[in-house]
Amino acid sequence: MGSSPQAIGDAFKLCEKDAWARCRGGFDPGRGAEPEGLCELDVDRRCHGEDVAARVFAEGPAHPVAVATFDLDRTEVTVANYARCVGAGACAPSDVSPDDLRFVGPELPVTHVRWQDAEAFCRWAGGRLPSEAEWEYAARGAEGREFPWGNLYNPHLANHGAWGEDRTDVTDGFAYLAPVGSFADGATPLGVLDMAGNVAEWVADVFDTDADGRPMGYVPDGGVRPNGSVHVVRGGSFVDPAVWLRGAARDKTTLLRPAWIGFRCAADVK
């Protein structure tokens, strides 16, 4: 679990490649390519700024983790399924306008819910949120794939975002959310869908942060630091570029009901 020094270096290279291509192609519609010198500065800012670097380094160190057999939903929880929990009185409604068609289609992944709401849904459904280790194992497999489908990034296999003022990217077919399971070719070898992109996903674990609020890496022996304050988010979303769609990438947020975070449930095998 986690990233080796080489994998962390490769993550920075992927970030640079992606940001450079976006810059030279024009970050936003209606704008031409930026001058090469400005692109060098922009790539450095986007891929080597303190916050980005801290997030990449928080993937380390790589370490072994024993994971018991578990079940995991093939897709993210949908708006329709979450509504059933709300109707049963077991879940709080999502914080999104019913008129906002970007987020309320029945087959879209539910968003604008708190971590506590996700936990409540999974409990109501007879499961729980996956641990970070379970989530990463499902996304990467025992072989440690970089992406759910393999080791090479393919922008046609996930609903991803892009570098730029407008972080959405329509080149994958969707500007915002996609119905769950829309990228069948991006599934893991075991058939788990949308582990990269569409919505990032709440997991059970907390993310330890330093005094400046930046994420910290794993404890070297695989233990858990006692002072985690925010929950880990995995998988990347429709507003994230390639580097954050890798199976090892970790994120956090202090927002309670983000538009780009959903969840799926896990369960113990009895």
C-alpha atoms as a PDB file:
ATOM      1  CA  MET A   1       0.000   0.000   0.000  1.00  0.00           C
ATOM      2  CA  GLY A   2       1.216   3.509  -0.743  1.00  0.00           C
ATOM      3  CA  SER A   3       3.848   4.774  -3.165  1.00  0.00           C
ATOM      4  CA  SER A   4       7.564   4.007  -3.395  1.00  0.00           C
ATOM      5  CA  PRO A   5      10.059   6.817  -4.085  1.00  0.00           C
ATOM      6  CA  GLN A   6      10.068   5.804  -7.753  1.00  0.00           C
ATOM      7  CA  ALA A   7       6.259   5.855  -7.903  1.00  0.00           C
ATOM      8  CA  ILE A   8       6.212   9.294  -6.295  1.00  0.00           C
ATOM      9  CA  GLY A   9       8.710  10.505  -8.893  1.00  0.00           C
ATOM     10  CA  ASP A  10       6.533   9.041 -11.648  1.00  0.00           C
ATOM     11  CA  ALA A  11       3.527  10.877 -10.214  1.00  0.00           C
ATOM     12  CA  PHE A  12       5.323  14.195 -10.553  1.00  0.00           C
ATOM     13  CA  LYS A  13       6.285  13.313 -14.134  1.00  0.00           C
ATOM     14  CA  LEU A  14       2.676  12.468 -14.987  1.00  0.00           C
ATOM     15  CA  CYS A  15       1.557  15.758 -13.494  1.00  0.00           C
ATOM     16  CA  GLU A  16       4.147  17.673 -15.515  1.00  0.00           C
ATOM     17  CA  LYS A  17       3.252  15.900 -18.755  1.00  0.00           C
ATOM     18  CA  ASP A  18      -0.452  16.494 -18.290  1.00  0.00           C
ATOM     19  CA  ALA A  19      -0.115  20.131 -17.224  1.00  0.00           C
ATOM     20  CA  TRP A  20       2.357  20.879 -20.026  1.00  0.00           C
ATOM     21  CA  ALA A  21       0.072  19.408 -22.691  1.00  0.00           C
ATOM     22  CA  ARG A  22      -2.871  21.342 -21.335  1.00  0.00           C
ATOM     23  CA  CYS A  23      -0.912  24.592 -21.234  1.00  0.00           C
ATOM     24  CA  ARG A  24       0.473  24.270 -24.748  1.00  0.00           C
ATOM     25  CA  GLY A  25      -2.977  23.358 -26.023  1.00  0.00           C
ATOM     26  CA  GLY A  26      -4.650  26.284 -24.256  1.00  0.00           C
ATOM     27  CA  PHE A  27      -5.905  25.920 -20.699  1.00  0.00           C
ATOM     28  CA  ASP A  28      -9.386  27.181 -21.387  1.00  0.00           C
ATOM     29  CA  PRO A  29     -11.769  27.308 -24.387  1.00  0.00           C
ATOM     30  CA  GLY A  30     -11.286  30.397 -26.485  1.00  0.00           C
ATOM     31  CA  ARG A  31      -7.674  30.857 -25.424  1.00  0.00           C
ATOM     32  CA  GLY A  32      -4.719  29.818 -27.499  1.00  0.00           C
ATOM     33  CA  ALA A  33      -1.606  28.072 -26.281  1.00  0.00           C
ATOM     34  CA  GLU A  34       0.460  29.860 -23.680  1.00  0.00           C
ATOM     35  CA  PRO A  35       4.060  30.821 -24.547  1.00  0.00           C
ATOM     36  CA  GLU A  36       6.544  28.076 -23.744  1.00  0.00           C
ATOM     37  CA  GLY A  37       8.261  30.094 -21.032  1.00  0.00           C
ATOM     38  CA  LEU A  38       4.997  30.751 -19.248  1.00  0.00           C
ATOM     39  CA  CYS A  39       4.105  27.076 -19.490  1.00  0.00           C
ATOM     40  CA  GLU A  40       7.331  26.118 -17.729  1.00  0.00           C
ATOM     41  CA  LEU A  41       6.433  28.420 -14.864  1.00  0.00           C
ATOM     42  CA  ASP A  42       2.839  27.232 -14.792  1.00  0.00           C
ATOM     43  CA  VAL A  43       3.768  23.545 -14.773  1.00  0.00           C
ATOM     44  CA  ASP A  44       6.198  24.148 -11.935  1.00  0.00           C
ATOM     45  CA  ARG A  45       3.508  25.985  -9.965  1.00  0.00           C
ATOM     46  CA  ARG A  46       0.852  23.347 -10.545  1.00  0.00           C
ATOM     47  CA  CYS A  47       3.006  20.262  -9.984  1.00  0.00           C
ATOM     48  CA  HIS A  48       5.612  21.391  -7.461  1.00  0.00           C
ATOM     49  CA  GLY A  49       3.788  23.869  -5.261  1.00  0.00           C
ATOM     50  CA  GLU A  50       3.895  23.127  -1.539  1.00  0.00           C
ATOM     51  CA  ASP A  51       0.324  21.847  -1.310  1.00  0.00           C
ATOM     52  CA  VAL A  52       0.607  19.569  -4.351  1.00  0.00           C
ATOM     53  CA  ALA A  53       3.998  18.223  -3.295  1.00  0.00           C
ATOM     54  CA  ALA A  54       2.724  17.520   0.224  1.00  0.00           C
ATOM     55  CA  ARG A  55      -0.220  15.603  -1.186  1.00  0.00           C
ATOM     56  CA  VAL A  56       1.975  13.443  -3.431  1.00  0.00           C
ATOM     57  CA  PHE A  57       4.517  12.738  -0.697  1.00  0.00           C
ATOM     58  CA  ALA A  58       1.632  11.778   1.614  1.00  0.00           C
ATOM     59  CA  GLU A  59       1.297   8.616  -0.484  1.00  0.00           C
ATOM     60  CA  GLY A  60       4.470   7.270   1.077  1.00  0.00           C
ATOM     61  CA  PRO A  61       6.048   5.267   2.362  1.00  0.00           C
ATOM     62  CA  ALA A  62       4.979   2.101   0.599  1.00  0.00           C
ATOM     63  CA  HIS A  63       4.239  -0.571   3.177  1.00  0.00           C
ATOM     64  CA  PRO A  64       2.572  -3.998   3.410  1.00  0.00           C
ATOM     65  CA  VAL A  65      -0.951  -4.212   4.808  1.00  0.00           C
ATOM     66  CA  ALA A  66      -2.963  -7.332   5.594  1.00  0.00           C
ATOM     67  CA  VAL A  67      -6.563  -6.996   4.392  1.00  0.00           C
ATOM     68  CA  ALA A  68      -9.212  -9.548   5.344  1.00  0.00           C
ATOM     69  CA  THR A  69     -11.667 -10.709   2.680  1.00  0.00           C
ATOM     70  CA  PHE A  70     -14.360  -8.090   2.108  1.00  0.00           C
ATOM     71  CA  ASP A  71     -17.167  -7.188  -0.259  1.00  0.00           C
ATOM     72  CA  LEU A  72     -17.259  -3.858  -2.099  1.00  0.00           C
ATOM     73  CA  ASP A  73     -19.967  -2.213  -4.172  1.00  0.00           C
ATOM     74  CA  ARG A  74     -19.203  -2.377  -7.901  1.00  0.00           C
ATOM     75  CA  THR A  75     -20.360   1.215  -8.340  1.00  0.00           C
ATOM     76  CA  GLU A  76     -20.684   4.371  -6.332  1.00  0.00           C
ATOM     77  CA  VAL A  77     -23.966   4.852  -4.470  1.00  0.00           C
ATOM     78  CA  THR A  78     -26.492   6.535  -6.758  1.00  0.00           C
ATOM     79  CA  VAL A  79     -28.845   9.430  -6.171  1.00  0.00           C
ATOM     80  CA  ALA A  80     -31.792   7.020  -6.426  1.00  0.00           C
ATOM     81  CA  ASN A  81     -30.411   4.580  -3.866  1.00  0.00           C
ATOM     82  CA  TYR A  82     -29.527   7.346  -1.450  1.00  0.00           C
ATOM     83  CA  ALA A  83     -33.059   8.750  -1.790  1.00  0.00           C
ATOM     84  CA  ARG A  84     -34.424   5.441  -0.527  1.00  0.00           C
ATOM     85  CA  CYS A  85     -32.378   5.835   2.643  1.00  0.00           C
ATOM     86  CA  VAL A  86     -33.670   9.391   3.042  1.00  0.00           C
ATOM     87  CA  GLY A  87     -37.219   8.135   2.547  1.00  0.00           C
ATOM     88  CA  ALA A  88     -36.678   5.529   5.242  1.00  0.00           C
ATOM     89  CA  GLY A  89     -35.611   8.249   7.661  1.00  0.00           C
ATOM     90  CA  ALA A  90     -32.103   6.808   8.048  1.00  0.00           C
ATOM     91  CA  CYS A  91     -30.164   9.406   6.016  1.00  0.00           C
ATOM     92  CA  ALA A  92     -30.114  13.191   5.859  1.00  0.00           C
ATOM     93  CA  PRO A  93     -30.992  14.685   2.455  1.00  0.00           C
ATOM     94  CA  SER A  94     -28.124  15.747   0.224  1.00  0.00           C
ATOM     95  CA  ASP A  95     -27.445  19.464   0.116  1.00  0.00           C
ATOM     96  CA  VAL A  96     -28.162  20.047  -3.561  1.00  0.00           C
ATOM     97  CA  SER A  97     -31.016  21.790  -5.343  1.00  0.00           C
ATOM     98  CA  PRO A  98     -33.477  19.362  -6.959  1.00  0.00           C
ATOM     99  CA  ASP A  99     -33.323  21.599 -10.029  1.00  0.00           C
ATOM    100  CA  ASP A 100     -29.571  21.202 -10.488  1.00  0.00           C
ATOM    101  CA  LEU A 101     -29.499  18.618 -13.252  1.00  0.00           C
ATOM    102  CA  ARG A 102     -25.725  18.285 -12.999  1.00  0.00           C
ATOM    103  CA  PHE A 103     -26.129  16.345  -9.761  1.00  0.00           C
ATOM    104  CA  VAL A 104     -29.669  14.969  -9.342  1.00  0.00           C
ATOM    105  CA  GLY A 105     -30.127  12.334 -12.059  1.00  0.00           C
ATOM    106  CA  PRO A 106     -31.163   9.017 -10.467  1.00  0.00           C
ATOM    107  CA  GLU A 107     -28.227   7.084 -11.928  1.00  0.00           C
ATOM    108  CA  LEU A 108     -25.638   9.720 -11.053  1.00  0.00           C
ATOM    109  CA  PRO A 109     -23.465   9.140  -7.998  1.00  0.00           C
ATOM    110  CA  VAL A 110     -24.854  10.942  -4.972  1.00  0.00           C
ATOM    111  CA  THR A 111     -22.841  13.999  -3.905  1.00  0.00           C
ATOM    112  CA  HIS A 112     -23.216  16.919  -1.476  1.00  0.00           C
ATOM    113  CA  VAL A 113     -23.323  14.518   1.472  1.00  0.00           C
ATOM    114  CA  ARG A 114     -21.223  14.548   4.627  1.00  0.00           C
ATOM    115  CA  TRP A 115     -18.913  11.735   5.631  1.00  0.00           C
ATOM    116  CA  GLN A 116     -21.392  11.003   8.434  1.00  0.00           C
ATOM    117  CA  ASP A 117     -24.197  10.707   5.881  1.00  0.00           C
ATOM    118  CA  ALA A 118     -22.181   8.233   3.855  1.00  0.00           C
ATOM    119  CA  GLU A 119     -21.487   6.219   6.978  1.00  0.00           C
ATOM    120  CA  ALA A 120     -25.187   6.261   7.874  1.00  0.00           C
ATOM    121  CA  PHE A 121     -26.201   5.032   4.409  1.00  0.00           C
ATOM    122  CA  CYS A 122     -23.752   2.154   4.469  1.00  0.00           C
ATOM    123  CA  ARG A 123     -24.925   1.151   7.934  1.00  0.00           C
ATOM    124  CA  TRP A 124     -28.563   1.294   6.763  1.00  0.00           C
ATOM    125  CA  ALA A 125     -27.643  -0.859   3.755  1.00  0.00           C
ATOM    126  CA  GLY A 126     -26.000  -3.452   5.986  1.00  0.00           C
ATOM    127  CA  GLY A 127     -22.399  -2.484   5.400  1.00  0.00           C
ATOM    128  CA  ARG A 128     -19.851   0.196   6.203  1.00  0.00           C
ATOM    129  CA  LEU A 129     -17.463   2.560   4.495  1.00  0.00           C
ATOM    130  CA  PRO A 130     -14.349   0.788   3.204  1.00  0.00           C
ATOM    131  CA  SER A 131     -11.065   1.349   4.942  1.00  0.00           C
ATOM    132  CA  GLU A 132      -8.402   3.179   2.988  1.00  0.00           C
ATOM    133  CA  ALA A 133      -6.438  -0.055   2.653  1.00  0.00           C
ATOM    134  CA  GLU A 134      -9.478  -1.926   1.320  1.00  0.00           C
ATOM    135  CA  TRP A 135     -10.215   0.837  -1.154  1.00  0.00           C
ATOM    136  CA  GLU A 136      -6.647   0.886  -2.464  1.00  0.00           C
ATOM    137  CA  TYR A 137      -6.509  -2.895  -2.725  1.00  0.00           C
ATOM    138  CA  ALA A 138      -9.712  -2.868  -4.784  1.00  0.00           C
ATOM    139  CA  ALA A 139      -8.344  -0.142  -7.070  1.00  0.00           C
ATOM    140  CA  ARG A 140      -4.803  -1.435  -7.494  1.00  0.00           C
ATOM    141  CA  GLY A 141      -4.942  -5.171  -6.818  1.00  0.00           C
ATOM    142  CA  ALA A 142      -2.175  -7.199  -5.243  1.00  0.00           C
ATOM    143  CA  GLU A 143       0.124  -6.191  -8.113  1.00  0.00           C
ATOM    144  CA  GLY A 144      -0.173  -2.483  -7.286  1.00  0.00           C
ATOM    145  CA  ARG A 145      -1.515  -1.115 -10.578  1.00  0.00           C
ATOM    146  CA  GLU A 146      -1.160   2.645 -11.088  1.00  0.00           C
ATOM    147  CA  PHE A 147      -4.752   2.918 -12.333  1.00  0.00           C
ATOM    148  CA  PRO A 148      -7.722   0.579 -11.918  1.00  0.00           C
ATOM    149  CA  TRP A 149      -7.302  -0.697 -15.500  1.00  0.00           C
ATOM    150  CA  GLY A 150      -3.495  -0.940 -15.595  1.00  0.00           C
ATOM    151  CA  ASN A 151      -0.308   1.083 -15.388  1.00  0.00           C
ATOM    152  CA  LEU A 152      -0.788   3.532 -18.269  1.00  0.00           C
ATOM    153  CA  TYR A 153      -3.096   6.523 -18.061  1.00  0.00           C
ATOM    154  CA  ASN A 154      -5.886   6.565 -20.638  1.00  0.00           C
ATOM    155  CA  PRO A 155      -8.119   9.669 -20.621  1.00  0.00           C
ATOM    156  CA  HIS A 156     -10.941   7.740 -22.293  1.00  0.00           C
ATOM    157  CA  LEU A 157     -11.367   5.315 -19.378  1.00  0.00           C
ATOM    158  CA  ALA A 158     -12.570   7.717 -16.685  1.00  0.00           C
ATOM    159  CA  ASN A 159     -14.612  10.848 -16.123  1.00  0.00           C
ATOM    160  CA  HIS A 160     -11.739  13.178 -15.323  1.00  0.00           C
ATOM    161  CA  GLY A 161     -11.001  16.876 -15.013  1.00  0.00           C
ATOM    162  CA  ALA A 162      -8.154  19.034 -16.229  1.00  0.00           C
ATOM    163  CA  TRP A 163      -5.699  21.730 -15.294  1.00  0.00           C
ATOM    164  CA  GLY A 164      -7.137  25.179 -15.907  1.00  0.00           C
ATOM    165  CA  GLU A 165      -9.472  27.781 -14.490  1.00  0.00           C
ATOM    166  CA  ASP A 166     -12.337  25.539 -15.600  1.00  0.00           C
ATOM    167  CA  ARG A 167     -11.403  22.194 -14.060  1.00  0.00           C
ATOM    168  CA  THR A 168     -14.009  20.186 -15.962  1.00  0.00           C
ATOM    169  CA  ASP A 169     -13.103  18.432 -19.200  1.00  0.00           C
ATOM    170  CA  VAL A 170     -15.637  17.421 -21.840  1.00  0.00           C
ATOM    171  CA  THR A 171     -13.168  15.332 -23.846  1.00  0.00           C
ATOM    172  CA  ASP A 172     -14.199  12.238 -21.883  1.00  0.00           C
ATOM    173  CA  GLY A 173     -17.835  12.796 -22.870  1.00  0.00           C
ATOM    174  CA  PHE A 174     -19.041  14.435 -19.656  1.00  0.00           C
ATOM    175  CA  ALA A 175     -18.546  17.949 -18.340  1.00  0.00           C
ATOM    176  CA  TYR A 176     -19.871  17.046 -14.904  1.00  0.00           C
ATOM    177  CA  LEU A 177     -21.029  13.753 -13.425  1.00  0.00           C
ATOM    178  CA  ALA A 178     -21.582  10.616 -15.470  1.00  0.00           C
ATOM    179  CA  PRO A 179     -24.076   7.859 -14.641  1.00  0.00           C
ATOM    180  CA  VAL A 180     -22.323   5.215 -12.582  1.00  0.00           C
ATOM    181  CA  GLY A 181     -20.693   2.524 -14.690  1.00  0.00           C
ATOM    182  CA  SER A 182     -20.387   4.702 -17.805  1.00  0.00           C
ATOM    183  CA  PHE A 183     -16.733   3.711 -18.297  1.00  0.00           C
ATOM    184  CA  ALA A 184     -16.927  -0.077 -18.420  1.00  0.00           C
ATOM    185  CA  ASP A 185     -13.489  -0.369 -20.048  1.00  0.00           C
ATOM    186  CA  GLY A 186     -11.990   1.443 -17.054  1.00  0.00           C
ATOM    187  CA  ALA A 187     -13.070  -1.243 -14.611  1.00  0.00           C
ATOM    188  CA  THR A 188     -10.624  -3.233 -12.510  1.00  0.00           C
ATOM    189  CA  PRO A 189      -9.914  -6.840 -13.549  1.00  0.00           C
ATOM    190  CA  LEU A 190     -12.539  -7.885 -10.976  1.00  0.00           C
ATOM    191  CA  GLY A 191     -15.138  -5.587 -12.504  1.00  0.00           C
ATOM    192  CA  VAL A 192     -15.210  -2.760  -9.963  1.00  0.00           C
ATOM    193  CA  LEU A 193     -16.245   0.440 -11.750  1.00  0.00           C
ATOM    194  CA  ASP A 194     -15.392   4.116 -11.406  1.00  0.00           C
ATOM    195  CA  MET A 195     -12.480   3.697  -9.012  1.00  0.00           C
ATOM    196  CA  ALA A 196     -10.855   6.556 -10.917  1.00  0.00           C
ATOM    197  CA  GLY A 197     -12.778   9.742 -11.589  1.00  0.00           C
ATOM    198  CA  ASN A 198     -16.471  10.659 -11.674  1.00  0.00           C
ATOM    199  CA  VAL A 199     -16.629  11.346  -7.928  1.00  0.00           C
ATOM    200  CA  ALA A 200     -13.901  10.947  -5.372  1.00  0.00           C
ATOM    201  CA  GLU A 201     -14.971   8.736  -2.476  1.00  0.00           C
ATOM    202  CA  TRP A 202     -15.119   9.000   1.281  1.00  0.00           C
ATOM    203  CA  VAL A 203     -13.380   6.153   3.133  1.00  0.00           C
ATOM    204  CA  ALA A 204     -13.401   5.309   6.819  1.00  0.00           C
ATOM    205  CA  ASP A 205      -9.904   6.507   7.722  1.00  0.00           C
ATOM    206  CA  VAL A 206      -8.778   9.899   8.959  1.00  0.00           C
ATOM    207  CA  PHE A 207      -5.944  11.875   7.366  1.00  0.00           C
ATOM    208  CA  ASP A 208      -3.280  13.263   9.630  1.00  0.00           C
ATOM    209  CA  THR A 209      -2.170  16.810   8.853  1.00  0.00           C
ATOM    210  CA  ASP A 210       0.767  18.941   9.905  1.00  0.00           C
ATOM    211  CA  ALA A 211       0.623  22.315  11.647  1.00  0.00           C
ATOM    212  CA  ASP A 212      -0.080  24.025   8.306  1.00  0.00           C
ATOM    213  CA  GLY A 213      -2.972  21.712   7.476  1.00  0.00           C
ATOM    214  CA  ARG A 214      -1.050  19.780   4.830  1.00  0.00           C
ATOM    215  CA  PRO A 215      -1.452  16.002   4.616  1.00  0.00           C
ATOM    216  CA  MET A 216       1.135  13.696   6.124  1.00  0.00           C
ATOM    217  CA  GLY A 217       2.212  10.267   4.920  1.00  0.00           C
ATOM    218  CA  TYR A 218       1.697   6.869   6.431  1.00  0.00           C
ATOM    219  CA  VAL A 219       3.372   5.794   9.649  1.00  0.00           C
ATOM    220  CA  PRO A 220       6.379   3.738   8.443  1.00  0.00           C
ATOM    221  CA  ASP A 221       5.316   0.575  10.284  1.00  0.00           C
ATOM    222  CA  GLY A 222       1.778   0.800   8.928  1.00  0.00           C
ATOM    223  CA  GLY A 223       0.309   2.026  12.199  1.00  0.00           C
ATOM    224  CA  VAL A 224      -2.108   4.898  12.631  1.00  0.00           C
ATOM    225  CA  ARG A 225      -1.329   8.356  13.949  1.00  0.00           C
ATOM    226  CA  PRO A 226      -3.697   9.388  16.742  1.00  0.00           C
ATOM    227  CA  ASN A 227      -4.379  12.966  15.668  1.00  0.00           C
ATOM    228  CA  GLY A 228      -6.118  12.649  12.316  1.00  0.00           C
ATOM    229  CA  SER A 229      -8.660  15.412  11.911  1.00  0.00           C
ATOM    230  CA  VAL A 230     -10.253  15.012   8.467  1.00  0.00           C
ATOM    231  CA  HIS A 231     -11.345  11.944   6.546  1.00  0.00           C
ATOM    232  CA  VAL A 232      -9.442  10.534   3.611  1.00  0.00           C
ATOM    233  CA  VAL A 233     -10.882  10.877   0.100  1.00  0.00           C
ATOM    234  CA  ARG A 234      -9.858   8.509  -2.673  1.00  0.00           C
ATOM    235  CA  GLY A 235     -10.147   8.086  -6.432  1.00  0.00           C
ATOM    236  CA  GLY A 236     -10.223  11.564  -7.932  1.00  0.00           C
ATOM    237  CA  SER A 237     -13.230  13.124  -9.604  1.00  0.00           C
ATOM    238  CA  PHE A 238     -14.613  14.904 -12.654  1.00  0.00           C
ATOM    239  CA  VAL A 239     -12.579  17.991 -11.721  1.00  0.00           C
ATOM    240  CA  ASP A 240      -9.261  16.184 -11.172  1.00  0.00           C
ATOM    241  CA  PRO A 241      -6.419  15.724 -13.701  1.00  0.00           C
ATOM    242  CA  ALA A 242      -4.607  12.455 -14.265  1.00  0.00           C
ATOM    243  CA  VAL A 243      -2.203  12.587 -11.333  1.00  0.00           C
ATOM    244  CA  TRP A 244      -5.064  12.432  -8.824  1.00  0.00           C
ATOM    245  CA  LEU A 245      -6.779   9.505 -10.543  1.00  0.00           C
ATOM    246  CA  ARG A 246      -3.968   7.097  -9.666  1.00  0.00           C
ATOM    247  CA  GLY A 247      -4.911   4.329  -7.256  1.00  0.00           C
ATOM    248  CA  ALA A 248      -2.391   5.511  -4.653  1.00  0.00           C
ATOM    249  CA  ALA A 249      -3.470   9.172  -4.656  1.00  0.00           C
ATOM    250  CA  ARG A 250      -4.936  10.489  -1.399  1.00  0.00           C
ATOM    251  CA  ASP A 251      -6.919  13.627  -0.730  1.00  0.00           C
ATOM    252  CA  LYS A 252      -8.794  15.418   2.027  1.00  0.00           C
ATOM    253  CA  THR A 253     -11.205  18.309   2.331  1.00  0.00           C
ATOM    254  CA  THR A 254     -12.568  20.503   5.079  1.00  0.00           C
ATOM    255  CA  LEU A 255     -15.784  21.050   3.124  1.00  0.00           C
ATOM    256  CA  LEU A 256     -18.734  19.208   4.623  1.00  0.00           C
ATOM    257  CA  ARG A 257     -20.778  18.407   1.491  1.00  0.00           C
ATOM    258  CA  PRO A 258     -18.565  18.735  -1.604  1.00  0.00           C
ATOM    259  CA  ALA A 259     -19.959  18.522  -5.112  1.00  0.00           C
ATOM    260  CA  TRP A 260     -17.172  16.189  -6.224  1.00  0.00           C
ATOM    261  CA  ILE A 261     -17.262  13.569  -3.447  1.00  0.00           C
ATOM    262  CA  GLY A 262     -19.505  10.533  -3.144  1.00  0.00           C
ATOM    263  CA  PHE A 263     -18.943   7.054  -1.745  1.00  0.00           C
ATOM    264  CA  ARG A 264     -19.443   3.317  -2.063  1.00  0.00           C
ATOM    265  CA  CYS A 265     -19.960   0.740   0.671  1.00  0.00           C
ATOM    266  CA  ALA A 266     -18.051  -2.298   1.826  1.00  0.00           C
ATOM    267  CA  ALA A 267     -19.003  -5.211   4.050  1.00  0.00           C
ATOM    268  CA  ASP A 268     -17.276  -7.910   6.030  1.00  0.00           C
ATOM    269  CA  VAL A 269     -17.466 -11.423   4.608  1.00  0.00           C
ATOM    270  CA  LYS A 270     -18.946 -13.750   7.201  1.00  0.00           C
END
